[in-house]
Protein backbone atom coordinates (compact mmCIF):
# COMPACT_ATOMS: atom_id res chain seq x y z
CA MET A 1 82.73 106.66 101.74
CA ALA A 2 83.18 108.05 105.04
CA VAL A 3 80.30 110.32 106.57
CA ARG A 4 80.41 112.60 109.76
CA PHE A 5 77.48 113.65 111.29
CA ALA A 6 77.25 115.81 114.54
CA GLN A 7 77.08 113.01 116.81
CA ALA A 8 78.19 110.12 114.85
CA HIS A 9 79.90 108.87 111.96
CA GLY A 10 79.72 105.98 109.31
CA SER A 11 79.96 105.05 105.81
CA PHE A 12 78.18 104.45 102.61
CA ALA A 13 79.14 101.46 100.18
CA ARG A 14 77.32 101.16 96.86
CA SER A 15 78.35 99.14 93.40
CA ARG A 16 76.10 99.51 90.27
CA VAL A 17 78.07 96.48 88.72
CA ALA A 18 78.39 93.98 91.81
CA ARG A 19 76.76 90.78 90.35
CA GLY A 20 74.57 88.42 92.38
CA ARG A 21 72.07 90.75 93.97
CA LYS A 22 68.57 91.45 92.53
CA CYS A 23 67.48 94.59 95.02
CA ARG A 24 69.58 94.51 98.03
CA LEU A 25 69.01 97.90 99.10
CA GLN A 26 70.18 97.46 102.77
CA TRP A 27 70.95 99.80 105.71
CA GLU A 28 72.35 99.01 109.16
CA THR A 29 72.50 101.34 111.98
CA HIS A 30 74.73 100.50 114.98
CA GLY A 31 74.66 102.59 117.91
CA SER A 32 75.31 102.97 121.75
CA GLN A 33 72.06 101.34 122.58
CA GLY A 34 71.88 98.69 119.85
CA THR A 35 71.76 97.77 116.37
CA ILE A 36 69.01 97.79 113.53
CA VAL A 37 69.19 96.16 109.90
CA PHE A 38 66.66 96.25 107.00
CA CYS A 39 66.96 94.78 104.11
CA GLN A 40 64.98 95.25 101.04
CA GLU A 41 65.49 91.77 99.46
CA ASN A 42 63.34 90.62 102.67
CA MET A 43 61.42 93.53 103.27
CA ASN A 44 59.16 91.54 105.80
CA GLU A 45 62.03 91.41 108.13
CA LEU A 46 63.57 93.79 110.70
CA TRP A 47 66.51 92.63 112.83
CA ILE A 48 67.20 94.56 116.21
CA HIS A 49 69.68 94.08 118.63
CA ARG A 50 69.21 95.78 121.96
CA PRO A 51 71.68 95.71 124.98
CA GLY A 52 71.83 92.80 127.16
CA GLU A 53 70.76 90.52 124.05
CA ALA A 54 72.92 87.86 122.74
CA GLY A 55 72.74 89.06 119.20
CA LEU A 56 70.16 90.26 116.37
CA VAL A 57 66.79 89.51 117.29
CA ARG A 58 64.22 88.79 113.85
CA TYR A 59 61.21 90.41 113.67
CA VAL A 60 58.72 89.03 111.04
CA THR A 61 55.79 91.09 109.56
CA GLY A 62 52.52 89.26 110.60
CA PRO A 63 48.82 89.82 111.41
CA ASP A 64 49.49 91.48 114.49
CA GLN A 65 50.30 94.55 112.16
CA PRO A 66 47.36 96.25 111.66
CA ASP A 67 48.63 97.36 107.79
CA PHE A 68 49.49 93.72 107.10
CA LEU A 69 45.87 92.29 108.35
CA VAL A 70 44.22 93.78 105.65
CA PHE A 71 46.19 91.69 102.96
CA CYS A 72 46.73 88.46 104.73
CA PRO A 73 45.22 87.39 108.14
CA ALA A 74 47.63 84.36 108.82
CA PRO A 75 51.15 84.40 109.56
CA GLY A 76 53.99 83.46 107.55
CA HIS A 77 53.17 85.22 104.21
CA ASN A 78 55.07 88.03 102.92
CA SER A 79 54.02 91.30 101.64
CA GLY A 80 55.64 92.46 98.78
CA PHE A 81 56.46 96.07 97.18
CA ASN A 82 53.10 96.67 95.71
CA GLU A 83 51.36 96.19 99.19
CA GLN A 84 53.76 98.29 100.68
CA MET A 85 53.17 101.07 98.25
CA ILE A 86 49.45 100.84 98.91
CA ILE A 87 50.31 101.11 102.36
CA LYS A 88 52.35 104.29 102.04
CA ALA A 89 49.63 105.81 99.76
CA GLN A 90 46.84 105.04 102.78
CA ASP A 91 49.28 106.56 105.26
CA LEU A 92 49.58 109.68 102.90
CA LEU A 93 46.13 110.14 102.20
CA MET A 94 45.10 109.61 106.05
CA ALA A 95 47.78 112.37 106.88
CA ILE A 96 46.31 114.58 104.19
CA ALA A 97 42.77 114.19 105.76
CA GLY A 98 44.09 115.21 109.14
CA ALA A 99 44.05 111.44 110.63
CA PRO A 100 46.14 111.16 114.00
CA ASN A 101 49.75 109.32 113.06
CA THR A 102 49.86 106.09 114.29
CA GLY A 103 53.23 105.22 113.43
CA PRO A 104 56.76 106.07 114.68
CA ASP A 105 57.80 109.80 114.60
CA PHE A 106 61.48 109.39 115.38
CA ALA A 107 61.20 112.39 117.36
């Protein structure tokens, strides 16, 4: 399906009958300043391409992210869906309590 926005256009594709993928909820955003890719099957990875780079660079969750450090202090271990829901719940409760936002606001 083709889509148009105020200053961009794109497409969406979906299938409820495609076989072989367990939970491939993936999105890619391509723009004049780079690309970002996320796939829920590998939810601890984010692929980013910036101008001047040779290709996509893989960023992996690790103990240098404060939310991840609570669950595992060592690099190389994945967080799962349940841990990410706990992080989201904590962020929501902190926002309700009036704590300052420490994450991106995409403003």
